[in-house]
N, C-alpha and C. Protein backbone atom coordinates (compact mmCIF):
# COMPACT_ATOMS: atom_id res chain seq x y z
N MET A 1 -5.70 -6.27 21.12
CA MET A 1 -6.35 -5.67 19.96
C MET A 1 -5.64 -6.17 18.71
N ARG A 2 -6.43 -6.51 17.69
CA ARG A 2 -5.88 -7.05 16.45
C ARG A 2 -5.92 -5.99 15.36
N VAL A 3 -4.74 -5.60 14.87
CA VAL A 3 -4.60 -4.58 13.83
C VAL A 3 -4.15 -5.26 12.55
N ILE A 4 -4.79 -4.93 11.43
CA ILE A 4 -4.43 -5.50 10.14
C ILE A 4 -4.28 -4.36 9.15
N ALA A 5 -3.14 -4.32 8.41
CA ALA A 5 -2.85 -3.21 7.52
C ALA A 5 -2.43 -3.70 6.15
N ASP A 6 -2.66 -2.87 5.13
CA ASP A 6 -2.30 -3.22 3.76
C ASP A 6 -0.80 -3.33 3.58
N HIS A 7 -0.38 -4.29 2.75
CA HIS A 7 1.05 -4.54 2.56
C HIS A 7 1.75 -3.48 1.73
N HIS A 8 1.03 -2.57 1.06
CA HIS A 8 1.66 -1.51 0.27
C HIS A 8 2.07 -0.31 1.12
N GLN A 9 1.79 -0.36 2.39
CA GLN A 9 1.97 0.85 3.18
C GLN A 9 3.41 1.21 3.50
N GLY A 10 4.34 0.33 3.19
CA GLY A 10 5.75 0.67 3.36
C GLY A 10 6.04 1.24 4.72
N SER A 11 6.51 2.48 4.75
CA SER A 11 6.86 3.11 6.02
C SER A 11 5.63 3.32 6.89
N PHE A 12 4.43 3.41 6.28
CA PHE A 12 3.22 3.59 7.08
C PHE A 12 2.93 2.34 7.89
N SER A 13 3.22 1.16 7.33
CA SER A 13 3.05 -0.07 8.10
C SER A 13 3.98 -0.09 9.30
N LEU A 14 5.23 0.33 9.06
CA LEU A 14 6.19 0.41 10.16
C LEU A 14 5.71 1.41 11.20
N LEU A 15 5.14 2.52 10.72
CA LEU A 15 4.60 3.53 11.62
C LEU A 15 3.48 2.95 12.47
N VAL A 16 2.62 2.15 11.84
CA VAL A 16 1.53 1.50 12.59
C VAL A 16 2.12 0.64 13.70
N GLU A 17 3.12 -0.20 13.34
CA GLU A 17 3.70 -1.11 14.33
C GLU A 17 4.42 -0.34 15.44
N GLN A 18 5.25 0.65 15.07
CA GLN A 18 5.98 1.42 16.08
C GLN A 18 5.03 2.26 16.92
N GLY A 19 4.09 2.94 16.21
CA GLY A 19 3.15 3.79 16.93
C GLY A 19 2.28 2.98 17.88
N ALA A 20 1.84 1.82 17.41
CA ALA A 20 1.01 0.96 18.26
C ALA A 20 1.80 0.51 19.47
N GLY A 21 3.06 0.13 19.27
CA GLY A 21 3.88 -0.32 20.39
C GLY A 21 4.09 0.76 21.42
N GLU A 22 4.48 1.96 20.98
CA GLU A 22 4.70 3.07 21.91
C GLU A 22 3.41 3.42 22.63
N PHE A 23 2.31 3.48 21.86
CA PHE A 23 1.02 3.86 22.42
C PHE A 23 0.57 2.89 23.50
N HIS A 24 0.65 1.61 23.21
CA HIS A 24 0.07 0.68 24.17
C HIS A 24 0.95 0.51 25.41
N HIS A 25 2.25 0.70 25.30
CA HIS A 25 3.10 0.63 26.50
C HIS A 25 2.86 1.83 27.41
N ARG A 26 2.56 2.99 26.82
CA ARG A 26 2.37 4.21 27.59
C ARG A 26 0.94 4.32 28.15
N ALA A 27 -0.05 4.16 27.27
CA ALA A 27 -1.44 4.42 27.67
C ALA A 27 -2.18 3.19 28.19
N TYR A 28 -1.88 2.03 27.62
CA TYR A 28 -2.56 0.79 28.00
C TYR A 28 -1.51 -0.31 28.19
N PRO A 29 -0.75 -0.28 29.27
CA PRO A 29 0.36 -1.23 29.43
C PRO A 29 -0.07 -2.70 29.43
N ARG A 30 -1.33 -2.99 29.73
CA ARG A 30 -1.77 -4.39 29.75
C ARG A 30 -2.42 -4.82 28.43
N LEU A 31 -2.53 -3.87 27.50
CA LEU A 31 -3.13 -4.17 26.21
C LEU A 31 -2.15 -4.97 25.35
N ARG A 32 -2.65 -6.01 24.70
CA ARG A 32 -1.82 -6.79 23.78
C ARG A 32 -2.25 -6.47 22.35
N LEU A 33 -1.26 -6.22 21.50
CA LEU A 33 -1.52 -5.91 20.10
C LEU A 33 -0.96 -7.00 19.20
N HIS A 34 -1.69 -7.34 18.17
CA HIS A 34 -1.22 -8.26 17.14
C HIS A 34 -1.40 -7.56 15.81
N VAL A 35 -0.28 -7.19 15.15
CA VAL A 35 -0.33 -6.48 13.88
C VAL A 35 -0.04 -7.46 12.74
N SER A 36 -0.93 -7.51 11.75
CA SER A 36 -0.76 -8.36 10.57
C SER A 36 -0.75 -7.49 9.32
N ILE A 37 0.00 -7.91 8.31
CA ILE A 37 0.06 -7.19 7.04
C ILE A 37 -0.56 -8.09 5.97
N ARG A 38 -1.59 -7.56 5.27
CA ARG A 38 -2.29 -8.34 4.24
C ARG A 38 -2.66 -7.45 3.07
N LYS A 39 -3.26 -8.03 2.05
CA LYS A 39 -3.73 -7.27 0.90
C LYS A 39 -5.06 -6.58 1.25
N SER A 40 -5.26 -5.39 0.66
CA SER A 40 -6.48 -4.62 0.95
C SER A 40 -7.75 -5.38 0.63
N ALA A 41 -7.76 -6.11 -0.49
CA ALA A 41 -8.97 -6.85 -0.87
C ALA A 41 -9.36 -7.84 0.22
N GLU A 42 -8.37 -8.49 0.80
CA GLU A 42 -8.63 -9.44 1.88
C GLU A 42 -9.15 -8.73 3.13
N ILE A 43 -8.57 -7.57 3.43
CA ILE A 43 -9.01 -6.80 4.59
C ILE A 43 -10.47 -6.38 4.42
N GLU A 44 -10.81 -5.88 3.24
CA GLU A 44 -12.18 -5.44 3.00
C GLU A 44 -13.17 -6.60 2.99
N GLN A 45 -12.76 -7.74 2.44
CA GLN A 45 -13.65 -8.90 2.41
C GLN A 45 -13.95 -9.41 3.81
N ARG A 46 -13.01 -9.28 4.71
CA ARG A 46 -13.17 -9.83 6.06
C ARG A 46 -13.61 -8.78 7.09
N ALA A 47 -13.98 -7.60 6.60
CA ALA A 47 -14.32 -6.49 7.50
C ALA A 47 -15.47 -6.81 8.44
N GLY A 48 -16.43 -7.57 8.01
CA GLY A 48 -17.57 -7.88 8.88
C GLY A 48 -17.35 -9.03 9.82
N ALA A 49 -16.27 -9.77 9.59
CA ALA A 49 -15.98 -10.94 10.43
C ALA A 49 -15.27 -10.51 11.71
N ASP A 50 -15.17 -11.41 12.65
CA ASP A 50 -14.53 -11.11 13.92
C ASP A 50 -13.06 -11.52 13.88
N GLU A 51 -12.32 -11.01 12.87
CA GLU A 51 -10.92 -11.38 12.71
C GLU A 51 -9.95 -10.28 13.09
N PHE A 52 -10.41 -9.02 13.11
CA PHE A 52 -9.54 -7.91 13.50
C PHE A 52 -10.39 -6.77 14.05
N ASP A 53 -9.72 -5.90 14.82
CA ASP A 53 -10.41 -4.77 15.45
C ASP A 53 -10.16 -3.46 14.73
N LEU A 54 -9.02 -3.37 14.03
CA LEU A 54 -8.70 -2.18 13.25
C LEU A 54 -8.13 -2.64 11.92
N GLY A 55 -8.80 -2.31 10.82
CA GLY A 55 -8.34 -2.67 9.49
C GLY A 55 -7.99 -1.42 8.71
N ILE A 56 -6.80 -1.41 8.12
CA ILE A 56 -6.36 -0.27 7.31
C ILE A 56 -6.11 -0.78 5.89
N ALA A 57 -6.89 -0.27 4.93
CA ALA A 57 -6.83 -0.72 3.55
C ALA A 57 -6.39 0.43 2.64
N MET A 58 -5.94 0.06 1.44
CA MET A 58 -5.53 1.04 0.44
C MET A 58 -6.45 0.94 -0.77
N ARG A 59 -6.76 2.08 -1.38
CA ARG A 59 -7.52 2.08 -2.62
C ARG A 59 -6.97 3.18 -3.53
N VAL A 60 -7.04 2.91 -4.83
CA VAL A 60 -6.62 3.89 -5.82
C VAL A 60 -7.72 4.93 -5.96
N LEU A 61 -7.35 6.19 -5.90
CA LEU A 61 -8.34 7.27 -6.00
C LEU A 61 -8.58 7.64 -7.46
N ASP A 62 -9.38 6.82 -8.12
CA ASP A 62 -9.76 7.13 -9.49
C ASP A 62 -11.26 7.44 -9.50
N PRO A 63 -11.78 7.89 -10.63
CA PRO A 63 -13.20 8.31 -10.66
C PRO A 63 -14.21 7.24 -10.28
N ILE A 64 -13.83 5.94 -10.36
CA ILE A 64 -14.82 4.90 -10.06
C ILE A 64 -14.70 4.36 -8.63
N SER A 65 -13.80 4.93 -7.82
CA SER A 65 -13.68 4.48 -6.43
C SER A 65 -14.94 4.85 -5.67
N SER A 66 -15.48 3.88 -4.94
CA SER A 66 -16.73 4.16 -4.24
C SER A 66 -16.83 3.50 -2.87
N ALA A 67 -15.76 2.87 -2.41
CA ALA A 67 -15.83 2.16 -1.13
C ALA A 67 -16.06 3.14 0.01
N GLN A 68 -16.74 2.69 1.04
CA GLN A 68 -17.02 3.52 2.20
C GLN A 68 -15.93 3.32 3.25
N HIS A 69 -15.07 4.32 3.41
CA HIS A 69 -13.96 4.22 4.33
C HIS A 69 -13.81 5.51 5.13
N HIS A 70 -12.88 5.48 6.06
CA HIS A 70 -12.56 6.64 6.89
C HIS A 70 -11.10 6.98 6.61
N PRO A 71 -10.82 8.03 5.78
CA PRO A 71 -9.46 8.32 5.33
C PRO A 71 -8.48 8.59 6.47
N LEU A 72 -7.24 8.07 6.30
CA LEU A 72 -6.16 8.29 7.26
C LEU A 72 -4.98 9.01 6.62
N ASN A 73 -4.67 8.66 5.35
CA ASN A 73 -3.46 9.15 4.73
C ASN A 73 -3.58 8.98 3.22
N ARG A 74 -2.92 9.87 2.47
CA ARG A 74 -2.86 9.74 1.01
C ARG A 74 -1.40 9.75 0.57
N GLU A 75 -1.12 9.06 -0.52
CA GLU A 75 0.23 9.04 -1.10
C GLU A 75 0.12 9.10 -2.61
N THR A 76 1.16 9.62 -3.24
CA THR A 76 1.21 9.63 -4.69
C THR A 76 1.71 8.28 -5.20
N LEU A 77 1.26 7.92 -6.40
CA LEU A 77 1.77 6.73 -7.09
C LEU A 77 2.87 7.17 -8.04
N HIS A 78 3.86 6.31 -8.24
CA HIS A 78 4.97 6.63 -9.14
C HIS A 78 5.35 5.41 -9.96
N TRP A 79 5.81 5.66 -11.19
CA TRP A 79 6.54 4.67 -11.95
C TRP A 79 7.98 4.79 -11.47
N VAL A 80 8.59 3.69 -11.06
CA VAL A 80 9.94 3.75 -10.51
C VAL A 80 10.87 2.74 -11.18
N ALA A 81 12.18 3.01 -11.05
CA ALA A 81 13.20 2.09 -11.55
C ALA A 81 14.46 2.33 -10.73
N ALA A 82 15.49 1.54 -10.98
CA ALA A 82 16.77 1.73 -10.31
C ALA A 82 17.32 3.11 -10.67
N ALA A 83 18.13 3.67 -9.79
CA ALA A 83 18.64 5.02 -9.97
C ALA A 83 19.35 5.21 -11.32
N ASP A 84 20.06 4.20 -11.79
CA ASP A 84 20.81 4.32 -13.05
C ASP A 84 20.12 3.62 -14.23
N TYR A 85 18.83 3.34 -14.10
CA TYR A 85 18.09 2.57 -15.10
C TYR A 85 17.87 3.38 -16.38
N ARG A 86 17.97 2.71 -17.51
CA ARG A 86 17.67 3.31 -18.81
C ARG A 86 16.55 2.51 -19.46
N LEU A 87 15.53 3.19 -19.94
CA LEU A 87 14.44 2.49 -20.62
C LEU A 87 14.98 1.81 -21.87
N PRO A 88 14.52 0.60 -22.18
CA PRO A 88 15.04 -0.12 -23.34
C PRO A 88 14.72 0.58 -24.65
N ALA A 89 15.66 0.49 -25.60
CA ALA A 89 15.48 1.12 -26.91
C ALA A 89 14.29 0.56 -27.66
N SER A 90 13.91 -0.69 -27.36
CA SER A 90 12.78 -1.33 -28.04
C SER A 90 11.45 -0.67 -27.70
N GLY A 91 11.42 0.06 -26.58
CA GLY A 91 10.18 0.68 -26.13
C GLY A 91 9.27 -0.25 -25.35
N VAL A 92 9.65 -1.52 -25.22
CA VAL A 92 8.86 -2.49 -24.44
C VAL A 92 9.35 -2.43 -22.99
N LEU A 93 8.47 -2.04 -22.10
CA LEU A 93 8.84 -1.84 -20.70
C LEU A 93 8.90 -3.16 -19.94
N PRO A 94 10.03 -3.49 -19.32
CA PRO A 94 10.10 -4.69 -18.48
C PRO A 94 9.56 -4.34 -17.09
N LEU A 95 8.51 -5.00 -16.67
CA LEU A 95 7.87 -4.68 -15.40
C LEU A 95 8.23 -5.68 -14.31
N VAL A 96 8.38 -5.14 -13.11
CA VAL A 96 8.48 -5.95 -11.90
C VAL A 96 7.11 -5.85 -11.25
N VAL A 97 6.47 -6.98 -11.04
CA VAL A 97 5.08 -6.97 -10.56
C VAL A 97 4.91 -7.83 -9.31
N LEU A 98 3.82 -7.58 -8.63
CA LEU A 98 3.38 -8.40 -7.51
C LEU A 98 2.38 -9.43 -8.05
N PRO A 99 1.90 -10.36 -7.23
CA PRO A 99 0.94 -11.36 -7.72
C PRO A 99 -0.29 -10.74 -8.38
N ALA A 100 -0.92 -11.50 -9.25
CA ALA A 100 -2.05 -11.01 -10.05
C ALA A 100 -3.22 -10.53 -9.21
N ASP A 101 -3.34 -10.98 -7.95
CA ASP A 101 -4.46 -10.55 -7.12
C ASP A 101 -4.20 -9.20 -6.43
N CYS A 102 -3.08 -8.55 -6.73
CA CYS A 102 -2.77 -7.24 -6.17
C CYS A 102 -3.52 -6.17 -6.97
N ALA A 103 -4.41 -5.43 -6.32
CA ALA A 103 -5.24 -4.44 -7.01
C ALA A 103 -4.40 -3.33 -7.64
N LEU A 104 -3.34 -2.90 -6.99
CA LEU A 104 -2.50 -1.84 -7.55
C LEU A 104 -1.80 -2.32 -8.82
N GLN A 105 -1.33 -3.55 -8.82
CA GLN A 105 -0.68 -4.07 -10.02
C GLN A 105 -1.67 -4.18 -11.18
N ARG A 106 -2.88 -4.64 -10.89
CA ARG A 106 -3.90 -4.71 -11.95
C ARG A 106 -4.19 -3.32 -12.51
N TYR A 107 -4.25 -2.33 -11.61
CA TYR A 107 -4.51 -0.96 -12.04
C TYR A 107 -3.37 -0.44 -12.93
N ALA A 108 -2.12 -0.69 -12.55
CA ALA A 108 -0.98 -0.22 -13.33
C ALA A 108 -0.96 -0.84 -14.72
N LEU A 109 -1.21 -2.14 -14.81
CA LEU A 109 -1.24 -2.81 -16.11
C LEU A 109 -2.37 -2.25 -16.98
N LYS A 110 -3.50 -1.99 -16.36
CA LYS A 110 -4.64 -1.42 -17.09
C LYS A 110 -4.30 -0.05 -17.65
N ARG A 111 -3.59 0.78 -16.86
CA ARG A 111 -3.19 2.12 -17.33
C ARG A 111 -2.25 2.02 -18.53
N LEU A 112 -1.32 1.07 -18.50
CA LEU A 112 -0.40 0.89 -19.62
C LEU A 112 -1.17 0.44 -20.88
N GLU A 113 -2.09 -0.51 -20.69
CA GLU A 113 -2.88 -1.00 -21.83
C GLU A 113 -3.75 0.10 -22.41
N GLN A 114 -4.40 0.90 -21.54
CA GLN A 114 -5.25 1.99 -22.01
C GLN A 114 -4.48 3.01 -22.83
N ASN A 115 -3.20 3.18 -22.50
CA ASN A 115 -2.37 4.17 -23.18
C ASN A 115 -1.48 3.55 -24.26
N HIS A 116 -1.75 2.28 -24.58
CA HIS A 116 -1.03 1.57 -25.65
C HIS A 116 0.48 1.59 -25.45
N VAL A 117 0.90 1.40 -24.21
CA VAL A 117 2.32 1.33 -23.88
C VAL A 117 2.71 -0.15 -23.83
N PRO A 118 3.63 -0.60 -24.68
CA PRO A 118 4.01 -2.02 -24.68
C PRO A 118 4.84 -2.38 -23.44
N PHE A 119 4.57 -3.56 -22.88
CA PHE A 119 5.30 -4.00 -21.69
C PHE A 119 5.40 -5.51 -21.68
N THR A 120 6.32 -5.99 -20.87
CA THR A 120 6.45 -7.42 -20.62
C THR A 120 6.65 -7.62 -19.13
N LEU A 121 6.16 -8.73 -18.60
CA LEU A 121 6.34 -9.03 -17.18
C LEU A 121 7.71 -9.68 -17.01
N ALA A 122 8.67 -8.89 -16.57
CA ALA A 122 10.06 -9.34 -16.49
C ALA A 122 10.37 -10.09 -15.20
N HIS A 123 9.69 -9.71 -14.11
CA HIS A 123 9.99 -10.35 -12.82
C HIS A 123 8.74 -10.29 -11.95
N SER A 124 8.41 -11.39 -11.31
CA SER A 124 7.28 -11.43 -10.36
C SER A 124 7.82 -11.59 -8.96
N ALA A 125 7.41 -10.70 -8.08
CA ALA A 125 7.83 -10.76 -6.68
C ALA A 125 6.63 -11.17 -5.83
N SER A 126 6.90 -11.87 -4.74
CA SER A 126 5.80 -12.33 -3.89
C SER A 126 5.36 -11.26 -2.89
N GLY A 127 6.18 -10.24 -2.67
CA GLY A 127 5.84 -9.19 -1.72
C GLY A 127 6.61 -7.91 -2.01
N ILE A 128 6.33 -6.89 -1.21
CA ILE A 128 6.93 -5.57 -1.41
C ILE A 128 8.45 -5.61 -1.32
N ALA A 129 9.00 -6.32 -0.34
CA ALA A 129 10.47 -6.36 -0.18
C ALA A 129 11.13 -6.95 -1.43
N GLY A 130 10.55 -8.01 -1.97
CA GLY A 130 11.10 -8.62 -3.18
C GLY A 130 11.01 -7.68 -4.37
N LEU A 131 9.90 -6.95 -4.48
CA LEU A 131 9.74 -5.98 -5.55
C LEU A 131 10.79 -4.89 -5.43
N GLN A 132 11.00 -4.38 -4.22
CA GLN A 132 12.00 -3.33 -4.01
C GLN A 132 13.40 -3.81 -4.42
N MET A 133 13.75 -5.03 -4.04
CA MET A 133 15.08 -5.56 -4.38
C MET A 133 15.24 -5.75 -5.88
N ALA A 134 14.19 -6.27 -6.55
CA ALA A 134 14.27 -6.50 -7.99
C ALA A 134 14.40 -5.19 -8.76
N VAL A 135 13.64 -4.18 -8.36
CA VAL A 135 13.73 -2.88 -9.03
C VAL A 135 15.10 -2.25 -8.78
N ALA A 136 15.56 -2.27 -7.53
CA ALA A 136 16.87 -1.69 -7.21
C ALA A 136 18.01 -2.41 -7.95
N ALA A 137 17.83 -3.69 -8.24
CA ALA A 137 18.84 -4.47 -8.97
C ALA A 137 18.80 -4.22 -10.48
N GLY A 138 17.82 -3.43 -10.94
CA GLY A 138 17.74 -3.10 -12.35
C GLY A 138 17.00 -4.12 -13.20
N LEU A 139 16.20 -4.98 -12.57
CA LEU A 139 15.49 -6.02 -13.33
C LEU A 139 14.28 -5.48 -14.09
N GLY A 140 13.88 -4.25 -13.81
CA GLY A 140 12.74 -3.66 -14.48
C GLY A 140 12.20 -2.48 -13.71
N MET A 141 11.04 -2.03 -14.10
CA MET A 141 10.39 -0.90 -13.46
C MET A 141 9.07 -1.35 -12.83
N ALA A 142 8.51 -0.50 -11.97
CA ALA A 142 7.27 -0.88 -11.28
C ALA A 142 6.44 0.36 -10.97
N CYS A 143 5.20 0.12 -10.60
CA CYS A 143 4.30 1.16 -10.11
C CYS A 143 4.14 0.96 -8.62
N VAL A 144 4.51 1.98 -7.83
CA VAL A 144 4.43 1.86 -6.37
C VAL A 144 3.94 3.17 -5.76
N ASN A 145 3.48 3.10 -4.53
CA ASN A 145 3.14 4.31 -3.79
C ASN A 145 4.40 4.86 -3.13
N ALA A 146 4.37 6.14 -2.77
CA ALA A 146 5.56 6.88 -2.35
C ALA A 146 6.32 6.22 -1.20
N SER A 147 5.63 5.67 -0.21
CA SER A 147 6.33 5.13 0.95
C SER A 147 7.07 3.84 0.67
N VAL A 148 6.87 3.26 -0.51
CA VAL A 148 7.57 2.03 -0.89
C VAL A 148 8.93 2.36 -1.54
N ILE A 149 9.12 3.60 -1.96
CA ILE A 149 10.37 4.00 -2.62
C ILE A 149 11.50 4.02 -1.58
N THR A 150 12.55 3.23 -1.85
CA THR A 150 13.68 3.11 -0.92
C THR A 150 14.97 3.50 -1.64
N ALA A 151 16.08 3.41 -0.92
CA ALA A 151 17.39 3.73 -1.49
C ALA A 151 17.63 2.87 -2.73
N GLY A 152 18.13 3.49 -3.79
CA GLY A 152 18.42 2.78 -5.03
C GLY A 152 17.27 2.76 -6.01
N ILE A 153 16.11 3.28 -5.60
CA ILE A 153 14.93 3.34 -6.47
C ILE A 153 14.53 4.80 -6.63
N GLU A 154 14.23 5.20 -7.86
CA GLU A 154 13.84 6.59 -8.11
C GLU A 154 12.60 6.66 -9.01
N PRO A 155 11.77 7.69 -8.79
CA PRO A 155 10.63 7.88 -9.71
C PRO A 155 11.14 8.24 -11.11
N LEU A 156 10.46 7.72 -12.13
CA LEU A 156 10.79 8.06 -13.51
C LEU A 156 10.13 9.39 -13.85
N LYS A 157 10.73 10.13 -14.74
CA LYS A 157 10.22 11.44 -15.13
C LYS A 157 8.98 11.30 -16.01
N ALA A 158 8.07 12.26 -15.87
CA ALA A 158 6.84 12.25 -16.66
C ALA A 158 7.15 12.35 -18.15
N SER A 159 8.28 12.93 -18.50
CA SER A 159 8.65 13.11 -19.90
C SER A 159 8.99 11.79 -20.60
N GLN A 160 9.03 10.70 -19.85
CA GLN A 160 9.40 9.41 -20.44
C GLN A 160 8.21 8.66 -21.05
N GLY A 161 7.09 9.34 -21.19
CA GLY A 161 5.96 8.78 -21.92
C GLY A 161 5.10 7.79 -21.16
N LEU A 162 5.20 7.77 -19.85
CA LEU A 162 4.40 6.84 -19.04
C LEU A 162 3.07 7.47 -18.66
N PRO A 163 2.03 6.66 -18.49
CA PRO A 163 0.73 7.22 -18.11
C PRO A 163 0.79 7.92 -16.75
N THR A 164 0.00 8.96 -16.61
CA THR A 164 -0.11 9.63 -15.31
C THR A 164 -0.81 8.69 -14.32
N LEU A 165 -0.51 8.90 -13.06
CA LEU A 165 -1.07 8.04 -12.01
C LEU A 165 -1.75 8.90 -10.95
N PRO A 166 -2.84 8.41 -10.37
CA PRO A 166 -3.53 9.14 -9.30
C PRO A 166 -2.86 8.90 -7.94
N GLU A 167 -3.49 9.36 -6.91
CA GLU A 167 -3.05 9.06 -5.55
C GLU A 167 -3.71 7.78 -5.07
N VAL A 168 -3.17 7.24 -3.99
CA VAL A 168 -3.85 6.16 -3.27
C VAL A 168 -4.21 6.70 -1.90
N GLU A 169 -5.23 6.11 -1.31
CA GLU A 169 -5.67 6.52 0.02
C GLU A 169 -5.64 5.32 0.95
N PHE A 170 -5.05 5.52 2.11
CA PHE A 170 -5.10 4.52 3.17
C PHE A 170 -6.20 4.95 4.12
N SER A 171 -7.08 4.02 4.42
CA SER A 171 -8.22 4.36 5.27
C SER A 171 -8.59 3.18 6.14
N ARG A 172 -9.28 3.48 7.22
CA ARG A 172 -9.71 2.37 8.08
C ARG A 172 -11.07 1.89 7.59
N VAL A 173 -11.21 0.59 7.59
CA VAL A 173 -12.49 0.02 7.17
C VAL A 173 -13.51 0.24 8.28
N ALA A 174 -14.76 0.23 7.90
CA ALA A 174 -15.83 0.49 8.86
C ALA A 174 -15.82 -0.54 9.99
N PRO A 175 -16.03 -0.10 11.22
CA PRO A 175 -16.05 -1.05 12.35
C PRO A 175 -17.27 -1.97 12.29
N ARG A 176 -17.17 -3.09 12.99
CA ARG A 176 -18.31 -4.00 13.08
C ARG A 176 -19.44 -3.37 13.88
N ALA A 177 -20.64 -3.76 13.57
CA ALA A 177 -21.81 -3.21 14.26
C ALA A 177 -21.83 -3.57 15.74
N ASP A 178 -21.27 -4.75 16.09
CA ASP A 178 -21.30 -5.21 17.48
C ASP A 178 -20.00 -4.91 18.22
N GLU A 179 -19.26 -3.92 17.75
CA GLU A 179 -17.97 -3.60 18.35
C GLU A 179 -18.13 -3.15 19.80
N ARG A 180 -17.24 -3.66 20.67
CA ARG A 180 -17.27 -3.27 22.08
C ARG A 180 -16.78 -1.84 22.25
N ALA A 181 -17.29 -1.12 23.24
CA ALA A 181 -16.93 0.28 23.48
C ALA A 181 -15.43 0.44 23.73
N LEU A 182 -14.82 -0.50 24.46
CA LEU A 182 -13.39 -0.40 24.75
C LEU A 182 -12.56 -0.48 23.47
N ILE A 183 -12.95 -1.38 22.56
CA ILE A 183 -12.23 -1.51 21.29
C ILE A 183 -12.33 -0.21 20.51
N ALA A 184 -13.52 0.38 20.46
CA ALA A 184 -13.71 1.64 19.73
C ALA A 184 -12.85 2.74 20.33
N GLN A 185 -12.79 2.80 21.66
CA GLN A 185 -12.01 3.84 22.34
C GLN A 185 -10.51 3.68 22.04
N VAL A 186 -10.01 2.47 22.17
CA VAL A 186 -8.58 2.22 21.92
C VAL A 186 -8.25 2.48 20.46
N ARG A 187 -9.12 2.03 19.54
CA ARG A 187 -8.88 2.25 18.11
C ARG A 187 -8.80 3.74 17.79
N ASP A 188 -9.74 4.52 18.32
CA ASP A 188 -9.76 5.95 18.02
C ASP A 188 -8.53 6.67 18.57
N VAL A 189 -8.09 6.30 19.76
CA VAL A 189 -6.90 6.92 20.34
C VAL A 189 -5.66 6.51 19.53
N LEU A 190 -5.57 5.25 19.14
CA LEU A 190 -4.43 4.77 18.35
C LEU A 190 -4.37 5.50 17.01
N ILE A 191 -5.49 5.65 16.33
CA ILE A 191 -5.53 6.37 15.05
C ILE A 191 -5.12 7.83 15.26
N GLY A 192 -5.57 8.42 16.37
CA GLY A 192 -5.15 9.79 16.69
C GLY A 192 -3.65 9.90 16.87
N GLU A 193 -3.06 8.91 17.55
CA GLU A 193 -1.60 8.88 17.75
C GLU A 193 -0.88 8.80 16.41
N LEU A 194 -1.34 7.94 15.53
CA LEU A 194 -0.70 7.76 14.23
C LEU A 194 -0.83 9.03 13.38
N GLY A 195 -1.96 9.70 13.52
CA GLY A 195 -2.20 10.90 12.73
C GLY A 195 -1.33 12.08 13.11
N HIS A 196 -0.74 12.04 14.29
CA HIS A 196 0.09 13.16 14.75
C HIS A 196 1.57 12.90 14.56
N ARG A 197 1.93 11.85 13.85
CA ARG A 197 3.34 11.53 13.67
C ARG A 197 3.87 12.08 12.38
């Protein structure tokens, strides 16, 4: 079975991998799993193709969200920085960002622009691990979902003048119309296992 999950899921991605491993060794010892981590936009674009059996994508829960999904989990979004970080006196926020095709990063920049908060792109990371290291090292601040917050990174206080942020939702993309019954059964049991952790 091919599982593909959004790269923002942090500990949830690890949960998918660990939960899938425990599940398939216990319930389906002959089942082979291949877990891939990708961007949600890519997962949604490829949902109708025969590239994966279970797709887990993330979307920002704002008023214009309209994708058809099956919710699994929700997390809060936070503006974060290193534990000892001080906002610059200039008021221009140095941001640590992911590539421009990351939907969450585009959303965060849009929120800053809408609220007339000045910022500069101080550091670009190619993935979540790089973003975590750059923020923990004090290179700037970032917008992340709760499960991405690790040791050395803390949410900034609302009193610091940053725009409010909504939640994000992790959900499974709709299955293919020609999905085999066995795939549907295994997927549903696996999702049930993850939901009880």
